[in-house]
Amino acid sequence: MTGKPVVIYPPDEDGGRRVRVDGVILGRAFSVKDVAAFMQTAGLQDWGEMDVVRSELIEWRGGGPEVWEH
């Protein structure tokens, strides 16, 4: 188990990546923009795409924010 509250899982067959925040799956993202929207929904309204890319709160599994293909 990691100490990071946000986990982005590896891309699936459709290029979607599950997004988990504090142990709850919020849905699937298909881009960094989608991850930013999930973060905003989770209470970080000021977050944008660059916040997602640079954040130490996010654990990227199966590739970083540039990987969206299975």
C-alpha atoms as a PDB file:
ATOM      1  CA  MET A   1       0.000   0.000   0.000  1.00  0.00           C
ATOM      2  CA  THR A   2       1.293   3.418  -0.881  1.00  0.00           C
ATOM      3  CA  GLY A   3       1.074   6.580   1.146  1.00  0.00           C
ATOM      4  CA  LYS A   4      -0.302   8.507  -1.828  1.00  0.00           C
ATOM      5  CA  PRO A   5      -4.026   9.295  -1.694  1.00  0.00           C
ATOM      6  CA  VAL A   6      -4.523   9.218  -5.481  1.00  0.00           C
ATOM      7  CA  VAL A   7      -3.780   6.237  -7.718  1.00  0.00           C
ATOM      8  CA  ILE A   8      -4.068   6.246 -11.498  1.00  0.00           C
ATOM      9  CA  TYR A   9      -4.144   2.649 -12.750  1.00  0.00           C
ATOM     10  CA  PRO A  10      -2.645   1.362 -16.016  1.00  0.00           C
ATOM     11  CA  PRO A  11      -4.614   1.955 -19.211  1.00  0.00           C
ATOM     12  CA  ASP A  12      -7.229  -0.647 -20.099  1.00  0.00           C
ATOM     13  CA  GLU A  13      -8.063  -1.924 -23.599  1.00  0.00           C
ATOM     14  CA  ASP A  14      -9.999   1.266 -24.350  1.00  0.00           C
ATOM     15  CA  GLY A  15      -7.255   3.613 -23.115  1.00  0.00           C
ATOM     16  CA  GLY A  16      -9.115   4.463 -19.914  1.00  0.00           C
ATOM     17  CA  ARG A  17      -7.333   4.571 -16.568  1.00  0.00           C
ATOM     18  CA  ARG A  18      -9.198   4.038 -13.295  1.00  0.00           C
ATOM     19  CA  VAL A  19      -8.845   6.904 -10.839  1.00  0.00           C
ATOM     20  CA  ARG A  20      -8.864   6.124  -7.111  1.00  0.00           C
ATOM     21  CA  VAL A  21      -8.947   8.879  -4.499  1.00  0.00           C
ATOM     22  CA  ASP A  22      -8.723   7.961  -0.803  1.00  0.00           C
ATOM     23  CA  GLY A  23      -9.577   4.342  -1.595  1.00  0.00           C
ATOM     24  CA  VAL A  24     -12.658   5.140  -3.693  1.00  0.00           C
ATOM     25  CA  ILE A  25     -12.752   4.572  -7.462  1.00  0.00           C
ATOM     26  CA  LEU A  26     -14.153   7.773  -8.969  1.00  0.00           C
ATOM     27  CA  GLY A  27     -14.252   6.518 -12.548  1.00  0.00           C
ATOM     28  CA  ARG A  28     -12.096   6.230 -15.640  1.00  0.00           C
ATOM     29  CA  ALA A  29      -9.995   8.975 -17.135  1.00  0.00           C
ATOM     30  CA  PHE A  30      -8.954   9.132 -20.773  1.00  0.00           C
ATOM     31  CA  SER A  31      -6.618  12.116 -20.417  1.00  0.00           C
ATOM     32  CA  VAL A  32      -4.862  14.328 -17.880  1.00  0.00           C
ATOM     33  CA  LYS A  33      -7.769  16.748 -18.304  1.00  0.00           C
ATOM     34  CA  ASP A  34     -10.134  14.021 -17.048  1.00  0.00           C
ATOM     35  CA  VAL A  35      -7.904  13.385 -14.020  1.00  0.00           C
ATOM     36  CA  ALA A  36      -7.969  17.125 -13.241  1.00  0.00           C
ATOM     37  CA  ALA A  37     -11.791  17.026 -13.382  1.00  0.00           C
ATOM     38  CA  PHE A  38     -11.837  14.114 -10.903  1.00  0.00           C
ATOM     39  CA  MET A  39      -9.509  16.031  -8.596  1.00  0.00           C
ATOM     40  CA  GLN A  40     -11.816  19.045  -8.783  1.00  0.00           C
ATOM     41  CA  THR A  41     -14.782  16.815  -7.923  1.00  0.00           C
ATOM     42  CA  ALA A  42     -12.801  15.479  -4.953  1.00  0.00           C
ATOM     43  CA  GLY A  43     -12.502  19.018  -3.566  1.00  0.00           C
ATOM     44  CA  LEU A  44      -9.438  20.483  -5.260  1.00  0.00           C
ATOM     45  CA  GLN A  45     -11.369  22.985  -7.394  1.00  0.00           C
ATOM     46  CA  ASP A  46      -8.302  24.979  -8.420  1.00  0.00           C
ATOM     47  CA  TRP A  47      -6.488  21.997  -9.921  1.00  0.00           C
ATOM     48  CA  GLY A  48      -5.616  21.983 -13.603  1.00  0.00           C
ATOM     49  CA  GLU A  49      -3.696  19.665 -15.895  1.00  0.00           C
ATOM     50  CA  MET A  50      -0.261  20.901 -14.784  1.00  0.00           C
ATOM     51  CA  ASP A  51      -1.165  20.289 -11.138  1.00  0.00           C
ATOM     52  CA  VAL A  52      -1.988  16.691 -12.034  1.00  0.00           C
ATOM     53  CA  VAL A  53       1.267  16.189 -13.950  1.00  0.00           C
ATOM     54  CA  ARG A  54       3.431  17.677 -11.174  1.00  0.00           C
ATOM     55  CA  SER A  55       1.632  16.390  -8.064  1.00  0.00           C
ATOM     56  CA  GLU A  56       3.411  14.265  -5.498  1.00  0.00           C
ATOM     57  CA  LEU A  57      -0.025  13.096  -4.279  1.00  0.00           C
ATOM     58  CA  ILE A  58      -0.564  10.922  -7.356  1.00  0.00           C
ATOM     59  CA  GLU A  59       0.843   7.445  -7.929  1.00  0.00           C
ATOM     60  CA  TRP A  60       0.882   6.620 -11.637  1.00  0.00           C
ATOM     61  CA  ARG A  61       0.809   2.874 -12.293  1.00  0.00           C
ATOM     62  CA  GLY A  62       1.645   1.456 -15.697  1.00  0.00           C
ATOM     63  CA  GLY A  63       3.149   4.688 -16.977  1.00  0.00           C
ATOM     64  CA  GLY A  64       3.031   8.367 -16.199  1.00  0.00           C
ATOM     65  CA  PRO A  65       0.618  11.066 -17.288  1.00  0.00           C
ATOM     66  CA  GLU A  66       1.687  10.732 -20.920  1.00  0.00           C
ATOM     67  CA  VAL A  67       0.568   7.060 -21.196  1.00  0.00           C
ATOM     68  CA  TRP A  68      -3.049   6.520 -22.314  1.00  0.00           C
ATOM     69  CA  GLU A  69      -2.784   3.472 -24.562  1.00  0.00           C
ATOM     70  CA  HIS A  70      -2.850  -0.177 -23.503  1.00  0.00           C
END
